[in-house]
């Protein structure tokens, strides 16, 4: 799951003079001003961008999927008089929520 939109990071890079942005193993790298070596985008900056911009498109889609699966599970639980659909929905949603954790 992508936690950041590439456009958000590109916008920050343009505003701060960083160039040649690229993604390497889930980390954003770019050349700082007057540098000859790329550096990872500072995690404080990524936290600030995330706080300002909110959820990425992937996160919005996965949130919608989790809510949809839960609603369907509630209907199946009611119709079948069996809680296993809710157990499945809980496990599925737990995995999605765990993927929301940011890894720096």
C-alpha atoms as a PDB file:
ATOM      1  CA  UNK A   1       0.000   0.000   0.000  1.00  0.00           C
ATOM      2  CA  UNK A   2       1.379   3.387  -0.969  1.00  0.00           C
ATOM      3  CA  UNK A   3       1.109   5.844   1.885  1.00  0.00           C
ATOM      4  CA  UNK A   4       2.187   8.863  -0.147  1.00  0.00           C
ATOM      5  CA  UNK A   5       1.219  10.196  -3.533  1.00  0.00           C
ATOM      6  CA  UNK A   6       4.216  10.727  -5.787  1.00  0.00           C
ATOM      7  CA  UNK A   7       2.823  14.166  -6.580  1.00  0.00           C
ATOM      8  CA  UNK A   8       3.004  15.165  -2.888  1.00  0.00           C
ATOM      9  CA  UNK A   9       6.690  14.241  -2.721  1.00  0.00           C
ATOM     10  CA  UNK A  10       7.479  15.860  -6.086  1.00  0.00           C
ATOM     11  CA  UNK A  11       5.780  19.045  -4.935  1.00  0.00           C
ATOM     12  CA  UNK A  12       7.880  19.112  -1.750  1.00  0.00           C
ATOM     13  CA  UNK A  13      11.056  18.452  -3.748  1.00  0.00           C
ATOM     14  CA  UNK A  14      10.322  21.327  -6.127  1.00  0.00           C
ATOM     15  CA  UNK A  15       9.571  23.683  -3.241  1.00  0.00           C
ATOM     16  CA  UNK A  16      12.815  22.782  -1.451  1.00  0.00           C
ATOM     17  CA  UNK A  17      15.219  22.457  -4.385  1.00  0.00           C
ATOM     18  CA  UNK A  18      15.611  18.670  -4.328  1.00  0.00           C
ATOM     19  CA  UNK A  19      15.952  17.020  -7.754  1.00  0.00           C
ATOM     20  CA  UNK A  20      15.721  13.636  -9.484  1.00  0.00           C
ATOM     21  CA  UNK A  21      13.241  11.992  -7.137  1.00  0.00           C
ATOM     22  CA  UNK A  22      13.074   8.182  -7.238  1.00  0.00           C
ATOM     23  CA  UNK A  23      11.595   5.377  -5.149  1.00  0.00           C
ATOM     24  CA  UNK A  24      13.957   2.667  -3.916  1.00  0.00           C
ATOM     25  CA  UNK A  25      12.665  -0.191  -1.747  1.00  0.00           C
ATOM     26  CA  UNK A  26       9.723   1.803  -0.360  1.00  0.00           C
ATOM     27  CA  UNK A  27      11.892   4.850   0.429  1.00  0.00           C
ATOM     28  CA  UNK A  28      11.921   8.113  -1.493  1.00  0.00           C
ATOM     29  CA  UNK A  29      15.348   9.406  -2.512  1.00  0.00           C
ATOM     30  CA  UNK A  30      16.409  12.635  -4.194  1.00  0.00           C
ATOM     31  CA  UNK A  31      19.382  14.923  -4.626  1.00  0.00           C
ATOM     32  CA  UNK A  32      19.400  17.776  -2.083  1.00  0.00           C
ATOM     33  CA  UNK A  33      20.453  21.230  -3.276  1.00  0.00           C
ATOM     34  CA  UNK A  34      24.136  21.324  -4.337  1.00  0.00           C
ATOM     35  CA  UNK A  35      24.633  17.604  -3.574  1.00  0.00           C
ATOM     36  CA  UNK A  36      26.335  14.930  -5.636  1.00  0.00           C
ATOM     37  CA  UNK A  37      24.762  11.987  -3.794  1.00  0.00           C
ATOM     38  CA  UNK A  38      21.074  11.237  -3.356  1.00  0.00           C
ATOM     39  CA  UNK A  39      19.689  11.131   0.174  1.00  0.00           C
ATOM     40  CA  UNK A  40      16.444   9.704   1.506  1.00  0.00           C
ATOM     41  CA  UNK A  41      13.696  12.240   2.048  1.00  0.00           C
ATOM     42  CA  UNK A  42      13.828  12.966   5.816  1.00  0.00           C
ATOM     43  CA  UNK A  43      11.226  11.074   7.818  1.00  0.00           C
ATOM     44  CA  UNK A  44      10.170  14.265   9.606  1.00  0.00           C
ATOM     45  CA  UNK A  45       9.318  15.716   6.220  1.00  0.00           C
ATOM     46  CA  UNK A  46       7.321  12.637   5.265  1.00  0.00           C
ATOM     47  CA  UNK A  47       5.400  12.830   8.562  1.00  0.00           C
ATOM     48  CA  UNK A  48       4.643  16.498   7.918  1.00  0.00           C
ATOM     49  CA  UNK A  49       3.489  15.816   4.343  1.00  0.00           C
ATOM     50  CA  UNK A  50       1.257  12.974   5.561  1.00  0.00           C
ATOM     51  CA  UNK A  51      -0.274  15.197   8.263  1.00  0.00           C
ATOM     52  CA  UNK A  52      -1.036  17.926   5.733  1.00  0.00           C
ATOM     53  CA  UNK A  53      -2.342  15.762   2.882  1.00  0.00           C
ATOM     54  CA  UNK A  54      -4.178  12.982   4.749  1.00  0.00           C
ATOM     55  CA  UNK A  55      -4.941   9.607   3.197  1.00  0.00           C
ATOM     56  CA  UNK A  56      -3.453   8.578  -0.126  1.00  0.00           C
ATOM     57  CA  UNK A  57      -5.611   7.145  -2.911  1.00  0.00           C
ATOM     58  CA  UNK A  58      -4.558   3.579  -2.022  1.00  0.00           C
ATOM     59  CA  UNK A  59      -5.481   4.133   1.613  1.00  0.00           C
ATOM     60  CA  UNK A  60      -8.878   5.533   0.652  1.00  0.00           C
ATOM     61  CA  UNK A  61      -9.600   2.546  -1.580  1.00  0.00           C
ATOM     62  CA  UNK A  62      -8.551   0.013   1.073  1.00  0.00           C
ATOM     63  CA  UNK A  63     -10.644   1.824   3.694  1.00  0.00           C
ATOM     64  CA  UNK A  64     -13.663   1.631   1.428  1.00  0.00           C
ATOM     65  CA  UNK A  65     -13.014  -2.089   0.817  1.00  0.00           C
ATOM     66  CA  UNK A  66     -12.790  -2.724   4.574  1.00  0.00           C
ATOM     67  CA  UNK A  67     -16.080  -0.944   5.233  1.00  0.00           C
ATOM     68  CA  UNK A  68     -17.774  -2.779   2.358  1.00  0.00           C
ATOM     69  CA  UNK A  69     -16.558  -6.193   3.550  1.00  0.00           C
ATOM     70  CA  UNK A  70     -17.756  -5.399   7.070  1.00  0.00           C
ATOM     71  CA  UNK A  71     -21.230  -4.380   5.877  1.00  0.00           C
ATOM     72  CA  UNK A  72     -21.507  -7.524   3.767  1.00  0.00           C
ATOM     73  CA  UNK A  73     -20.344  -9.618   6.730  1.00  0.00           C
ATOM     74  CA  UNK A  74     -23.003  -8.058   8.956  1.00  0.00           C
ATOM     75  CA  UNK A  75     -25.666  -8.977   6.399  1.00  0.00           C
ATOM     76  CA  UNK A  76     -24.391 -12.571   6.094  1.00  0.00           C
ATOM     77  CA  UNK A  77     -24.185 -12.915   9.862  1.00  0.00           C
ATOM     78  CA  UNK A  78     -27.796 -11.816  10.215  1.00  0.00           C
ATOM     79  CA  UNK A  79     -29.090 -13.953   7.337  1.00  0.00           C
ATOM     80  CA  UNK A  80     -27.151 -17.116   8.216  1.00  0.00           C
ATOM     81  CA  UNK A  81     -27.356 -16.746  12.011  1.00  0.00           C
ATOM     82  CA  UNK A  82     -23.636 -17.504  12.094  1.00  0.00           C
ATOM     83  CA  UNK A  83     -20.886 -15.172  13.346  1.00  0.00           C
ATOM     84  CA  UNK A  84     -18.152 -16.583  11.083  1.00  0.00           C
ATOM     85  CA  UNK A  85     -18.662 -13.854   8.489  1.00  0.00           C
ATOM     86  CA  UNK A  86     -17.917 -11.237  11.146  1.00  0.00           C
ATOM     87  CA  UNK A  87     -14.840 -13.174  12.226  1.00  0.00           C
ATOM     88  CA  UNK A  88     -13.620 -13.127   8.628  1.00  0.00           C
ATOM     89  CA  UNK A  89     -14.382  -9.401   8.323  1.00  0.00           C
ATOM     90  CA  UNK A  90     -12.506  -8.700  11.566  1.00  0.00           C
ATOM     91  CA  UNK A  91      -9.422 -10.612  10.387  1.00  0.00           C
ATOM     92  CA  UNK A  92      -9.507  -8.963   6.965  1.00  0.00           C
ATOM     93  CA  UNK A  93      -9.883  -5.488   8.445  1.00  0.00           C
ATOM     94  CA  UNK A  94      -7.108  -6.147  10.984  1.00  0.00           C
ATOM     95  CA  UNK A  95      -4.715  -6.935   8.140  1.00  0.00           C
ATOM     96  CA  UNK A  96      -5.714  -3.755   6.297  1.00  0.00           C
ATOM     97  CA  UNK A  97      -5.295  -1.610   9.422  1.00  0.00           C
ATOM     98  CA  UNK A  98      -1.873  -3.161  10.072  1.00  0.00           C
ATOM     99  CA  UNK A  99      -0.811  -2.096   6.581  1.00  0.00           C
ATOM    100  CA  UNK A 100      -1.731   1.498   7.408  1.00  0.00           C
ATOM    101  CA  UNK A 101       1.281   1.640   9.752  1.00  0.00           C
ATOM    102  CA  UNK A 102       3.961   3.878   8.276  1.00  0.00           C
ATOM    103  CA  UNK A 103       7.416   2.350   7.881  1.00  0.00           C
ATOM    104  CA  UNK A 104      10.283   4.800   7.741  1.00  0.00           C
END
